[in-house]
Each structure stands twice: as structure tokens, then as C-alpha cells.
């Protein structure tokens, strides 16, 4: 299974996975055909399938995304863009 799909499955997992690496999320957006741009204010602007959203980048030393709310925001954005894990 491609890495993009693995990260997508982690984001949509129940219970929520708390071991998702931030770099994997960025690569997932790009692997889905999106563009990413890190802003000066430690945010990541994502454009995907005609939609745009800005997410907070984890602070210094935090390389995994552990916040349920932030994972939920990413999950909702992916749904709005029509990107959900493929059924097995």
C-alpha cells in the first residue's frame, strides 16, 4: 500500500491514531495532488481539489500530530476534498 494511503488510513482511524508524523501528513497532501506552503507564522497552507485550508504546524521538537482537534480538522478537510481511504 502506498505511503499516502497509509497516512490517510491513520487520519481516518478509529480510535484516532496519535502517532502520525507531521512530515507524513505534508507528503500525503502532496501525494494526493495538493500543494503545500509553509507560512512565516508556522502554518501550513494546503490547496487540494480546488479547496484551501491552513493548519498549525507542530511546535519545536514535536514531530507527531497528537491533537484530536487538529486531526479532526484535517479529516474534515480531506472529506470536503473527496479524499478518503480506499476500501480494502
C-alpha atoms as a PDB file:
ATOM      1  CA  UNK A   1       0.000   0.000   0.000  1.00  0.00           C
ATOM      2  CA  UNK A   2       1.463   3.387  -0.963  1.00  0.00           C
ATOM      3  CA  UNK A   3       2.611   5.602   1.905  1.00  0.00           C
ATOM      4  CA  UNK A   4      -0.010   8.238   1.030  1.00  0.00           C
ATOM      5  CA  UNK A   5      -2.802   5.698   1.587  1.00  0.00           C
ATOM      6  CA  UNK A   6      -1.257   4.505   4.872  1.00  0.00           C
ATOM      7  CA  UNK A   7      -1.206   8.059   6.235  1.00  0.00           C
ATOM      8  CA  UNK A   8      -4.764   8.613   5.000  1.00  0.00           C
ATOM      9  CA  UNK A   9      -5.880   5.465   6.849  1.00  0.00           C
ATOM     10  CA  UNK A  10      -4.168   6.695  10.045  1.00  0.00           C
ATOM     11  CA  UNK A  11      -6.034  10.003   9.873  1.00  0.00           C
ATOM     12  CA  UNK A  12      -9.393   8.267   9.427  1.00  0.00           C
ATOM     13  CA  UNK A  13      -8.671   5.522  12.000  1.00  0.00           C
ATOM     14  CA  UNK A  14     -10.994   4.968  14.953  1.00  0.00           C
ATOM     15  CA  UNK A  15      -9.859   5.292  17.642  1.00  0.00           C
ATOM     16  CA  UNK A  16      -7.788   8.237  16.491  1.00  0.00           C
ATOM     17  CA  UNK A  17      -4.118   7.499  15.935  1.00  0.00           C
ATOM     18  CA  UNK A  18      -1.812   9.728  17.982  1.00  0.00           C
ATOM     19  CA  UNK A  19       1.387   8.749  16.237  1.00  0.00           C
ATOM     20  CA  UNK A  20       1.077  10.486  12.872  1.00  0.00           C
ATOM     21  CA  UNK A  21       4.280  12.184  11.766  1.00  0.00           C
ATOM     22  CA  UNK A  22       3.797  15.726  10.523  1.00  0.00           C
ATOM     23  CA  UNK A  23       6.110  15.200   7.522  1.00  0.00           C
ATOM     24  CA  UNK A  24       3.940  12.218   6.503  1.00  0.00           C
ATOM     25  CA  UNK A  25       0.856  14.460   6.536  1.00  0.00           C
ATOM     26  CA  UNK A  26       2.597  17.038   4.330  1.00  0.00           C
ATOM     27  CA  UNK A  27       3.721  14.293   1.914  1.00  0.00           C
ATOM     28  CA  UNK A  28       0.185  12.843   1.924  1.00  0.00           C
ATOM     29  CA  UNK A  29      -1.328  16.174   0.823  1.00  0.00           C
ATOM     30  CA  UNK A  30       1.258  16.390  -1.958  1.00  0.00           C
ATOM     31  CA  UNK A  31       0.742  12.731  -2.906  1.00  0.00           C
ATOM     32  CA  UNK A  32      -2.981  13.412  -3.293  1.00  0.00           C
ATOM     33  CA  UNK A  33      -2.161  16.135  -5.828  1.00  0.00           C
ATOM     34  CA  UNK A  34      -2.242  19.096  -3.465  1.00  0.00           C
ATOM     35  CA  UNK A  35       0.210  21.921  -2.964  1.00  0.00           C
ATOM     36  CA  UNK A  36       1.632  22.941   0.398  1.00  0.00           C
ATOM     37  CA  UNK A  37       3.235  26.172   1.524  1.00  0.00           C
ATOM     38  CA  UNK A  38       4.657  26.823   4.980  1.00  0.00           C
ATOM     39  CA  UNK A  39       3.945  30.405   6.058  1.00  0.00           C
ATOM     40  CA  UNK A  40       6.075  32.662   8.243  1.00  0.00           C
ATOM     41  CA  UNK A  41       3.610  32.225  11.103  1.00  0.00           C
ATOM     42  CA  UNK A  42       4.244  28.459  11.481  1.00  0.00           C
ATOM     43  CA  UNK A  43       1.203  27.436   9.487  1.00  0.00           C
ATOM     44  CA  UNK A  44       0.830  25.159   6.500  1.00  0.00           C
ATOM     45  CA  UNK A  45      -1.397  26.357   3.670  1.00  0.00           C
ATOM     46  CA  UNK A  46      -2.808  23.431   1.684  1.00  0.00           C
ATOM     47  CA  UNK A  47      -4.590  23.615  -1.668  1.00  0.00           C
ATOM     48  CA  UNK A  48      -6.285  20.395  -2.743  1.00  0.00           C
ATOM     49  CA  UNK A  49      -9.020  19.715  -5.312  1.00  0.00           C
ATOM     50  CA  UNK A  50      -9.992  23.392  -5.548  1.00  0.00           C
ATOM     51  CA  UNK A  51     -10.216  23.897  -1.777  1.00  0.00           C
ATOM     52  CA  UNK A  52      -7.808  25.654   0.575  1.00  0.00           C
ATOM     53  CA  UNK A  53      -7.157  25.280   4.305  1.00  0.00           C
ATOM     54  CA  UNK A  54      -4.462  26.430   6.720  1.00  0.00           C
ATOM     55  CA  UNK A  55      -3.230  24.217   9.557  1.00  0.00           C
ATOM     56  CA  UNK A  56      -0.962  24.936  12.512  1.00  0.00           C
ATOM     57  CA  UNK A  57       2.483  23.336  12.270  1.00  0.00           C
ATOM     58  CA  UNK A  58       3.543  21.398  15.411  1.00  0.00           C
ATOM     59  CA  UNK A  59       5.861  23.446  17.621  1.00  0.00           C
ATOM     60  CA  UNK A  60       9.589  22.905  18.155  1.00  0.00           C
ATOM     61  CA  UNK A  61      10.508  19.321  18.913  1.00  0.00           C
ATOM     62  CA  UNK A  62       7.020  17.947  18.227  1.00  0.00           C
ATOM     63  CA  UNK A  63       7.190  15.844  15.105  1.00  0.00           C
ATOM     64  CA  UNK A  64       3.961  13.916  15.565  1.00  0.00           C
ATOM     65  CA  UNK A  65       0.401  15.167  15.441  1.00  0.00           C
ATOM     66  CA  UNK A  66      -1.318  14.252  18.702  1.00  0.00           C
ATOM     67  CA  UNK A  67      -4.141  16.789  18.999  1.00  0.00           C
ATOM     68  CA  UNK A  68      -7.559  15.200  18.330  1.00  0.00           C
ATOM     69  CA  UNK A  69      -8.999  18.548  17.211  1.00  0.00           C
ATOM     70  CA  UNK A  70      -6.251  19.127  14.647  1.00  0.00           C
ATOM     71  CA  UNK A  71      -6.581  15.568  13.327  1.00  0.00           C
ATOM     72  CA  UNK A  72     -10.338  16.171  13.084  1.00  0.00           C
ATOM     73  CA  UNK A  73      -9.766  19.378  11.076  1.00  0.00           C
ATOM     74  CA  UNK A  74      -7.514  17.508   8.655  1.00  0.00           C
ATOM     75  CA  UNK A  75     -10.053  14.664   8.385  1.00  0.00           C
ATOM     76  CA  UNK A  76     -12.914  17.093   7.603  1.00  0.00           C
ATOM     77  CA  UNK A  77     -10.825  18.940   5.017  1.00  0.00           C
ATOM     78  CA  UNK A  78      -9.929  15.662   3.302  1.00  0.00           C
ATOM     79  CA  UNK A  79     -13.608  14.650   3.207  1.00  0.00           C
ATOM     80  CA  UNK A  80     -14.567  18.019   1.690  1.00  0.00           C
ATOM     81  CA  UNK A  81     -11.901  17.424  -0.967  1.00  0.00           C
ATOM     82  CA  UNK A  82     -13.237  13.946  -1.719  1.00  0.00           C
ATOM     83  CA  UNK A  83     -10.180  12.180  -0.307  1.00  0.00           C
ATOM     84  CA  UNK A  84     -10.872   9.194   1.937  1.00  0.00           C
ATOM     85  CA  UNK A  85      -9.027   5.890   2.305  1.00  0.00           C
ATOM     86  CA  UNK A  86      -9.718   3.261  -0.317  1.00  0.00           C
ATOM     87  CA  UNK A  87     -11.845   0.352   0.906  1.00  0.00           C
ATOM     88  CA  UNK A  88      -9.941  -2.893   1.177  1.00  0.00           C
END
